[in-house]
């Protein structure tokens, strides 16, 4: 298996995608942040001093998806068609799920995972006064569609 982000001399390079065809591509990612019952209740009841945690985290995640190429060195800047980010309280955790779409020549897996990661980091930032021991975990790609490699679904 050759690594597409390395040239023949082993130096990092951005993959040339100019020969690829634009297709509809989607990716969905998820992750969670575990926390104390008090922190989860404060988020659920909008009692966090910094404001509405879930609304702010949703905006942060959407903004992050749009700026992924600025954060991940070899990612291509992509014209995103849509970003949906759902945040839900699940017991003593907040679960983030992001779906990103484009009609372009390369996929949006990194954008979906970046959206989830930054949304969860935002939850941590806004609620850390209540619980500094929160744990972000399980950030992963769930599905991707489109492109040369076709559709993919994460194993259960």
N, C-alpha and C. Protein backbone atom coordinates (compact mmCIF):
# COMPACT_ATOMS: atom_id res chain seq x y z
N UNK A 1 0.85 -1.18 0.00
CA UNK A 1 0.00 0.00 0.00
C UNK A 1 0.89 1.23 0.00
N UNK A 2 0.67 2.12 -0.96
CA UNK A 2 1.44 3.36 -0.99
C UNK A 2 0.67 4.44 -0.23
N UNK A 3 1.42 5.34 0.37
CA UNK A 3 0.81 6.44 1.11
C UNK A 3 0.67 7.64 0.18
N UNK A 4 -0.55 8.07 -0.05
CA UNK A 4 -0.81 9.10 -1.05
C UNK A 4 -0.32 10.49 -0.64
N UNK A 5 -0.06 10.70 0.65
CA UNK A 5 0.38 12.01 1.10
C UNK A 5 1.91 12.11 1.19
N UNK A 6 2.61 11.12 0.62
CA UNK A 6 4.07 11.17 0.58
C UNK A 6 4.53 11.04 -0.86
N UNK A 7 5.55 11.83 -1.22
CA UNK A 7 6.08 11.71 -2.58
C UNK A 7 7.13 10.58 -2.60
N UNK A 8 7.79 10.39 -3.75
CA UNK A 8 8.75 9.29 -3.89
C UNK A 8 9.92 9.39 -2.93
N UNK A 9 10.22 10.59 -2.47
CA UNK A 9 11.33 10.81 -1.54
C UNK A 9 10.86 10.76 -0.08
N UNK A 10 9.57 10.55 0.15
CA UNK A 10 9.05 10.46 1.51
C UNK A 10 8.63 11.79 2.10
N UNK A 11 8.64 12.85 1.30
CA UNK A 11 8.23 14.15 1.78
C UNK A 11 6.71 14.29 1.71
N UNK A 12 6.14 15.04 2.66
CA UNK A 12 4.70 15.27 2.66
C UNK A 12 4.30 16.08 1.44
N UNK A 13 3.13 15.74 0.91
CA UNK A 13 2.60 16.49 -0.24
C UNK A 13 1.08 16.47 -0.16
N UNK A 14 0.50 17.45 -0.81
CA UNK A 14 -0.95 17.48 -0.93
C UNK A 14 -1.31 16.69 -2.18
N UNK A 15 -2.23 15.76 -2.07
CA UNK A 15 -2.61 14.91 -3.18
C UNK A 15 -3.24 15.76 -4.28
N UNK A 16 -2.86 15.50 -5.52
CA UNK A 16 -3.43 16.19 -6.67
C UNK A 16 -4.76 15.54 -7.02
N UNK A 17 -5.85 16.27 -6.85
CA UNK A 17 -7.19 15.73 -7.12
C UNK A 17 -7.78 16.30 -8.41
N UNK A 18 -6.96 16.97 -9.21
CA UNK A 18 -7.47 17.64 -10.40
C UNK A 18 -8.06 16.68 -11.43
N UNK A 19 -7.67 15.41 -11.42
CA UNK A 19 -8.20 14.44 -12.37
C UNK A 19 -9.46 13.74 -11.91
N UNK A 20 -9.90 14.01 -10.69
CA UNK A 20 -11.09 13.35 -10.16
C UNK A 20 -12.36 14.04 -10.63
N UNK A 21 -13.46 13.29 -10.59
CA UNK A 21 -14.76 13.83 -10.97
C UNK A 21 -15.53 14.26 -9.73
N UNK A 22 -16.24 15.36 -9.86
CA UNK A 22 -17.09 15.82 -8.76
C UNK A 22 -18.29 14.89 -8.64
N UNK A 23 -18.55 14.44 -7.43
CA UNK A 23 -19.73 13.65 -7.12
C UNK A 23 -20.27 14.13 -5.77
N UNK A 24 -21.50 13.77 -5.48
CA UNK A 24 -22.05 14.06 -4.16
C UNK A 24 -21.34 13.17 -3.15
N UNK A 25 -20.80 13.78 -2.14
CA UNK A 25 -20.08 13.04 -1.09
C UNK A 25 -20.62 13.48 0.27
N UNK A 26 -20.81 12.52 1.14
CA UNK A 26 -21.27 12.81 2.50
C UNK A 26 -20.41 12.04 3.49
N UNK A 27 -20.38 12.54 4.70
CA UNK A 27 -19.73 11.81 5.79
C UNK A 27 -20.47 12.16 7.08
N UNK A 28 -20.62 11.16 7.93
CA UNK A 28 -21.23 11.35 9.25
C UNK A 28 -20.25 10.83 10.29
N UNK A 29 -20.04 11.64 11.32
CA UNK A 29 -19.13 11.27 12.42
C UNK A 29 -19.86 11.50 13.74
N UNK A 30 -19.34 10.86 14.77
CA UNK A 30 -19.91 11.03 16.10
C UNK A 30 -18.81 11.06 17.14
N UNK A 31 -19.17 11.50 18.33
CA UNK A 31 -18.27 11.49 19.49
C UNK A 31 -19.09 11.88 20.70
N UNK A 32 -18.47 11.77 21.86
CA UNK A 32 -19.20 12.10 23.08
C UNK A 32 -18.26 12.69 24.11
N UNK A 33 -18.84 13.41 25.05
CA UNK A 33 -18.09 13.92 26.19
C UNK A 33 -18.82 13.49 27.45
N UNK A 34 -18.15 12.68 28.27
CA UNK A 34 -18.71 12.21 29.54
C UNK A 34 -18.44 13.26 30.60
N UNK A 35 -19.37 13.41 31.54
CA UNK A 35 -19.24 14.44 32.57
C UNK A 35 -20.02 14.04 33.81
N UNK A 36 -19.90 14.87 34.83
CA UNK A 36 -20.66 14.63 36.06
C UNK A 36 -22.14 14.87 35.82
N UNK A 37 -22.95 14.30 36.69
CA UNK A 37 -24.40 14.51 36.60
C UNK A 37 -24.73 15.99 36.75
N UNK A 38 -23.98 16.69 37.60
CA UNK A 38 -24.23 18.13 37.80
C UNK A 38 -23.96 18.92 36.54
N UNK A 39 -22.90 18.59 35.83
CA UNK A 39 -22.58 19.30 34.59
C UNK A 39 -23.64 19.01 33.52
N UNK A 40 -24.04 17.76 33.40
CA UNK A 40 -25.07 17.40 32.41
C UNK A 40 -26.38 18.12 32.72
N UNK A 41 -26.74 18.18 33.97
CA UNK A 41 -27.99 18.86 34.36
C UNK A 41 -27.90 20.36 34.06
N UNK A 42 -26.77 20.96 34.36
CA UNK A 42 -26.59 22.40 34.10
C UNK A 42 -26.68 22.69 32.60
N UNK A 43 -26.11 21.83 31.77
CA UNK A 43 -26.19 22.01 30.32
C UNK A 43 -27.63 21.83 29.86
N UNK A 44 -28.27 20.76 30.30
CA UNK A 44 -29.66 20.46 29.91
C UNK A 44 -30.60 21.60 30.30
N UNK A 45 -30.39 22.17 31.50
CA UNK A 45 -31.29 23.20 32.02
C UNK A 45 -30.84 24.62 31.66
N UNK A 46 -29.85 24.74 30.79
CA UNK A 46 -29.30 26.05 30.39
C UNK A 46 -28.90 26.90 31.59
N UNK A 47 -28.20 26.27 32.52
CA UNK A 47 -27.76 26.94 33.74
C UNK A 47 -26.25 27.13 33.80
N UNK A 48 -25.57 27.01 32.67
CA UNK A 48 -24.12 27.21 32.64
C UNK A 48 -23.86 28.71 32.50
N UNK A 49 -22.95 29.24 33.32
CA UNK A 49 -22.72 30.68 33.37
C UNK A 49 -22.33 31.27 32.02
N UNK A 50 -21.64 30.52 31.18
CA UNK A 50 -21.20 31.04 29.89
C UNK A 50 -22.30 31.10 28.85
N UNK A 51 -23.46 30.50 29.11
CA UNK A 51 -24.57 30.58 28.17
C UNK A 51 -25.05 29.22 27.70
N UNK A 52 -25.76 29.23 26.59
CA UNK A 52 -26.35 28.01 26.02
C UNK A 52 -25.24 27.15 25.40
N UNK A 53 -24.85 26.13 26.11
CA UNK A 53 -23.72 25.29 25.72
C UNK A 53 -23.98 24.58 24.39
N UNK A 54 -25.13 23.97 24.24
CA UNK A 54 -25.40 23.19 23.03
C UNK A 54 -25.49 24.08 21.79
N UNK A 55 -26.12 25.23 21.90
CA UNK A 55 -26.22 26.14 20.75
C UNK A 55 -24.83 26.65 20.36
N UNK A 56 -24.02 27.00 21.34
CA UNK A 56 -22.68 27.50 21.05
C UNK A 56 -21.81 26.41 20.45
N UNK A 57 -21.90 25.20 21.00
CA UNK A 57 -21.11 24.08 20.48
C UNK A 57 -21.53 23.73 19.06
N UNK A 58 -22.81 23.82 18.76
CA UNK A 58 -23.29 23.55 17.39
C UNK A 58 -22.67 24.55 16.41
N UNK A 59 -22.70 25.82 16.74
CA UNK A 59 -22.09 26.83 15.86
C UNK A 59 -20.58 26.62 15.72
N UNK A 60 -19.92 26.31 16.82
CA UNK A 60 -18.47 26.08 16.77
C UNK A 60 -18.13 24.91 15.87
N UNK A 61 -18.90 23.83 15.95
CA UNK A 61 -18.65 22.66 15.11
C UNK A 61 -18.87 22.95 13.64
N UNK A 62 -19.93 23.69 13.34
CA UNK A 62 -20.20 24.05 11.94
C UNK A 62 -19.07 24.93 11.40
N UNK A 63 -18.66 25.91 12.18
CA UNK A 63 -17.56 26.77 11.76
C UNK A 63 -16.27 25.98 11.56
N UNK A 64 -16.03 25.01 12.43
CA UNK A 64 -14.81 24.20 12.33
C UNK A 64 -14.82 23.36 11.06
N UNK A 65 -15.97 22.78 10.71
CA UNK A 65 -16.05 21.99 9.48
C UNK A 65 -15.63 22.84 8.29
N UNK A 66 -16.06 24.09 8.27
CA UNK A 66 -15.75 24.99 7.16
C UNK A 66 -14.27 25.37 7.11
N UNK A 67 -13.55 25.19 8.23
CA UNK A 67 -12.15 25.60 8.30
C UNK A 67 -11.18 24.43 8.46
N UNK A 68 -11.64 23.23 8.18
CA UNK A 68 -10.81 22.04 8.38
C UNK A 68 -9.47 22.13 7.67
N UNK A 69 -9.45 22.62 6.45
CA UNK A 69 -8.20 22.69 5.68
C UNK A 69 -7.18 23.62 6.34
N UNK A 70 -7.63 24.54 7.18
CA UNK A 70 -6.71 25.42 7.91
C UNK A 70 -6.12 24.72 9.13
N UNK A 71 -6.76 23.65 9.57
CA UNK A 71 -6.33 22.95 10.79
C UNK A 71 -5.55 21.67 10.50
N UNK A 72 -5.92 20.96 9.46
CA UNK A 72 -5.29 19.69 9.09
C UNK A 72 -4.41 19.97 7.87
N UNK A 73 -3.10 19.88 8.01
CA UNK A 73 -2.19 20.40 6.99
C UNK A 73 -2.40 19.95 5.56
N UNK A 74 -2.74 18.71 5.28
CA UNK A 74 -2.81 18.24 3.91
C UNK A 74 -4.24 18.09 3.39
N UNK A 75 -5.22 18.60 4.12
CA UNK A 75 -6.61 18.57 3.65
C UNK A 75 -6.82 19.64 2.60
N UNK A 76 -7.65 19.31 1.63
CA UNK A 76 -8.03 20.29 0.61
C UNK A 76 -9.13 21.20 1.14
N UNK A 77 -9.08 22.49 0.82
CA UNK A 77 -10.23 23.33 1.14
C UNK A 77 -11.42 22.92 0.26
N UNK A 78 -12.57 22.71 0.87
CA UNK A 78 -13.72 22.17 0.14
C UNK A 78 -14.90 23.13 0.19
N UNK A 79 -15.64 23.19 -0.91
CA UNK A 79 -16.89 23.95 -0.90
C UNK A 79 -17.99 23.07 -0.29
N UNK A 80 -18.30 23.29 0.95
CA UNK A 80 -19.30 22.47 1.63
C UNK A 80 -20.70 22.89 1.21
N UNK A 81 -21.52 21.88 0.94
CA UNK A 81 -22.92 22.13 0.58
C UNK A 81 -23.80 22.22 1.81
N UNK A 82 -23.40 21.51 2.87
CA UNK A 82 -24.20 21.52 4.08
C UNK A 82 -23.46 20.88 5.24
N UNK A 83 -23.75 21.37 6.43
CA UNK A 83 -23.23 20.79 7.67
C UNK A 83 -24.38 20.74 8.66
N UNK A 84 -24.70 19.55 9.13
CA UNK A 84 -25.71 19.39 10.18
C UNK A 84 -24.99 18.85 11.41
N UNK A 85 -25.23 19.47 12.54
CA UNK A 85 -24.58 19.04 13.77
C UNK A 85 -25.64 18.93 14.86
N UNK A 86 -25.81 17.71 15.35
CA UNK A 86 -26.79 17.44 16.40
C UNK A 86 -26.05 17.19 17.70
N UNK A 87 -26.49 17.83 18.76
CA UNK A 87 -25.94 17.60 20.10
C UNK A 87 -27.09 17.18 21.00
N UNK A 88 -26.91 16.07 21.70
CA UNK A 88 -27.97 15.55 22.56
C UNK A 88 -27.39 15.10 23.88
N UNK A 89 -28.10 15.36 24.94
CA UNK A 89 -27.69 14.87 26.25
C UNK A 89 -28.17 13.44 26.38
N UNK A 90 -27.23 12.57 26.74
CA UNK A 90 -27.49 11.13 26.89
C UNK A 90 -26.98 10.73 28.26
N UNK A 91 -27.86 10.77 29.27
CA UNK A 91 -27.43 10.48 30.64
C UNK A 91 -26.44 11.55 31.09
N UNK A 92 -25.23 11.11 31.46
CA UNK A 92 -24.20 12.03 31.92
C UNK A 92 -23.18 12.30 30.81
N UNK A 93 -23.69 12.49 29.59
CA UNK A 93 -22.81 12.77 28.45
C UNK A 93 -23.56 13.64 27.45
N UNK A 94 -22.78 14.31 26.61
CA UNK A 94 -23.33 14.98 25.44
C UNK A 94 -22.77 14.24 24.23
N UNK A 95 -23.67 13.84 23.34
CA UNK A 95 -23.28 13.14 22.12
C UNK A 95 -23.41 14.11 20.96
N UNK A 96 -22.35 14.19 20.16
CA UNK A 96 -22.35 15.04 18.97
C UNK A 96 -22.34 14.16 17.73
N UNK A 97 -23.18 14.49 16.77
CA UNK A 97 -23.22 13.79 15.48
C UNK A 97 -23.24 14.85 14.39
N UNK A 98 -22.29 14.75 13.46
CA UNK A 98 -22.20 15.71 12.37
C UNK A 98 -22.31 15.00 11.04
N UNK A 99 -23.07 15.59 10.13
CA UNK A 99 -23.15 15.12 8.75
C UNK A 99 -22.76 16.28 7.85
N UNK A 100 -21.79 16.01 6.98
CA UNK A 100 -21.26 17.05 6.08
C UNK A 100 -21.44 16.57 4.65
N UNK A 101 -21.79 17.52 3.76
CA UNK A 101 -22.01 17.20 2.34
C UNK A 101 -21.26 18.16 1.45
N UNK A 102 -20.83 17.64 0.30
CA UNK A 102 -20.27 18.46 -0.77
C UNK A 102 -20.53 17.77 -2.10
N UNK A 103 -20.49 18.55 -3.14
CA UNK A 103 -20.42 18.00 -4.49
C UNK A 103 -19.07 18.48 -5.00
N UNK A 104 -18.07 17.63 -4.84
CA UNK A 104 -16.70 18.03 -5.14
C UNK A 104 -15.91 16.78 -5.50
N UNK A 105 -14.60 16.93 -5.60
CA UNK A 105 -13.75 15.84 -6.08
C UNK A 105 -13.06 15.05 -4.97
N UNK A 106 -13.29 15.41 -3.73
CA UNK A 106 -12.72 14.67 -2.61
C UNK A 106 -13.69 14.68 -1.44
N UNK A 107 -13.52 13.75 -0.53
CA UNK A 107 -14.50 13.50 0.52
C UNK A 107 -14.46 14.46 1.69
N UNK A 108 -15.45 14.32 2.56
CA UNK A 108 -15.63 15.23 3.69
C UNK A 108 -15.53 14.53 5.05
N UNK A 109 -14.81 13.40 5.08
CA UNK A 109 -14.66 12.69 6.35
C UNK A 109 -13.98 13.54 7.42
N UNK A 110 -12.91 14.23 7.03
CA UNK A 110 -12.18 15.04 7.99
C UNK A 110 -13.02 16.20 8.49
N UNK A 111 -13.84 16.77 7.62
CA UNK A 111 -14.71 17.86 8.03
C UNK A 111 -15.74 17.40 9.05
N UNK A 112 -16.29 16.22 8.87
CA UNK A 112 -17.27 15.69 9.83
C UNK A 112 -16.63 15.42 11.18
N UNK A 113 -15.43 14.82 11.17
CA UNK A 113 -14.76 14.53 12.44
C UNK A 113 -14.26 15.81 13.11
N UNK A 114 -13.86 16.80 12.33
CA UNK A 114 -13.44 18.08 12.91
C UNK A 114 -14.63 18.78 13.55
N UNK A 115 -15.78 18.75 12.89
CA UNK A 115 -16.99 19.37 13.45
C UNK A 115 -17.33 18.76 14.81
N UNK A 116 -17.30 17.44 14.89
CA UNK A 116 -17.60 16.76 16.15
C UNK A 116 -16.57 17.11 17.22
N UNK A 117 -15.31 17.06 16.87
CA UNK A 117 -14.24 17.32 17.84
C UNK A 117 -14.33 18.73 18.41
N UNK A 118 -14.50 19.72 17.55
CA UNK A 118 -14.56 21.10 18.03
C UNK A 118 -15.84 21.36 18.82
N UNK A 119 -16.94 20.76 18.42
CA UNK A 119 -18.17 20.90 19.19
C UNK A 119 -17.97 20.36 20.61
N UNK A 120 -17.34 19.21 20.73
CA UNK A 120 -17.11 18.62 22.05
C UNK A 120 -16.11 19.42 22.86
N UNK A 121 -15.09 19.95 22.22
CA UNK A 121 -14.14 20.83 22.92
C UNK A 121 -14.85 22.09 23.43
N UNK A 122 -15.81 22.57 22.67
CA UNK A 122 -16.56 23.75 23.08
C UNK A 122 -17.42 23.43 24.31
N UNK A 123 -18.04 22.25 24.32
CA UNK A 123 -18.78 21.83 25.51
C UNK A 123 -17.85 21.84 26.72
N UNK A 124 -16.66 21.27 26.55
CA UNK A 124 -15.69 21.24 27.66
C UNK A 124 -15.38 22.66 28.12
N UNK A 125 -15.05 23.52 27.17
CA UNK A 125 -14.67 24.89 27.52
C UNK A 125 -15.78 25.60 28.30
N UNK A 126 -17.00 25.43 27.86
CA UNK A 126 -18.10 26.15 28.49
C UNK A 126 -18.52 25.58 29.84
N UNK A 127 -18.26 24.30 30.08
CA UNK A 127 -18.71 23.67 31.32
C UNK A 127 -17.58 23.28 32.26
N UNK A 128 -16.34 23.64 31.93
CA UNK A 128 -15.20 23.20 32.75
C UNK A 128 -15.22 23.77 34.16
N UNK A 129 -15.91 24.88 34.39
CA UNK A 129 -16.01 25.40 35.75
C UNK A 129 -16.82 24.47 36.65
N UNK A 130 -17.70 23.68 36.04
CA UNK A 130 -18.52 22.73 36.80
C UNK A 130 -17.81 21.40 36.94
N UNK A 131 -17.10 20.96 35.89
CA UNK A 131 -16.46 19.64 35.88
C UNK A 131 -15.22 19.65 34.99
N UNK A 132 -14.06 19.72 35.63
CA UNK A 132 -12.81 19.69 34.87
C UNK A 132 -12.40 18.29 34.45
N UNK A 133 -13.08 17.26 34.95
CA UNK A 133 -12.72 15.87 34.66
C UNK A 133 -13.51 15.29 33.48
N UNK A 134 -14.19 16.13 32.72
CA UNK A 134 -14.93 15.63 31.56
C UNK A 134 -13.97 14.91 30.61
N UNK A 135 -14.48 13.89 29.90
CA UNK A 135 -13.66 13.08 29.00
C UNK A 135 -14.31 13.04 27.62
N UNK A 136 -13.55 13.48 26.61
CA UNK A 136 -14.00 13.36 25.22
C UNK A 136 -13.56 12.00 24.72
N UNK A 137 -14.48 11.28 24.09
CA UNK A 137 -14.15 9.93 23.64
C UNK A 137 -14.94 9.53 22.41
N UNK A 138 -14.46 8.50 21.76
CA UNK A 138 -15.21 7.85 20.70
C UNK A 138 -15.42 8.66 19.44
N UNK A 139 -14.58 9.65 19.16
CA UNK A 139 -14.74 10.40 17.91
C UNK A 139 -14.37 9.47 16.77
N UNK A 140 -15.34 9.26 15.87
CA UNK A 140 -15.10 8.31 14.78
C UNK A 140 -16.02 8.59 13.60
N UNK A 141 -15.60 8.10 12.46
CA UNK A 141 -16.41 8.17 11.26
C UNK A 141 -17.45 7.07 11.32
N UNK A 142 -18.71 7.42 11.06
CA UNK A 142 -19.78 6.42 11.03
C UNK A 142 -20.07 5.95 9.61
N UNK A 143 -20.17 6.91 8.68
CA UNK A 143 -20.46 6.57 7.29
C UNK A 143 -19.79 7.57 6.36
N UNK A 144 -19.57 7.12 5.13
CA UNK A 144 -19.18 8.03 4.05
C UNK A 144 -19.78 7.50 2.78
N UNK A 145 -20.15 8.44 1.90
CA UNK A 145 -20.71 8.04 0.61
C UNK A 145 -20.02 8.82 -0.49
N UNK A 146 -20.07 8.25 -1.70
CA UNK A 146 -19.56 8.93 -2.87
C UNK A 146 -18.09 8.68 -3.13
N UNK A 147 -17.66 9.13 -4.28
CA UNK A 147 -16.26 9.04 -4.64
C UNK A 147 -15.88 7.69 -5.20
N UNK A 148 -14.61 7.59 -5.57
CA UNK A 148 -14.07 6.39 -6.21
C UNK A 148 -14.18 5.15 -5.33
N UNK A 149 -13.95 5.33 -4.02
CA UNK A 149 -13.99 4.16 -3.12
C UNK A 149 -15.41 3.77 -2.71
N UNK A 150 -16.41 4.58 -3.07
CA UNK A 150 -17.80 4.21 -2.80
C UNK A 150 -18.22 4.44 -1.36
N UNK A 151 -19.26 3.75 -0.98
CA UNK A 151 -19.85 3.94 0.35
C UNK A 151 -19.13 3.08 1.38
N UNK A 152 -19.17 3.56 2.64
CA UNK A 152 -18.53 2.85 3.74
C UNK A 152 -19.36 3.07 4.99
N UNK A 153 -19.52 2.03 5.80
CA UNK A 153 -20.23 2.11 7.08
C UNK A 153 -19.34 1.49 8.15
N UNK A 154 -19.21 2.18 9.29
CA UNK A 154 -18.39 1.67 10.38
C UNK A 154 -18.94 0.37 10.91
N UNK A 155 -18.05 -0.55 11.29
CA UNK A 155 -18.52 -1.79 11.91
C UNK A 155 -19.25 -1.49 13.22
N UNK A 156 -20.24 -2.28 13.53
CA UNK A 156 -21.03 -2.07 14.76
C UNK A 156 -20.21 -2.29 16.00
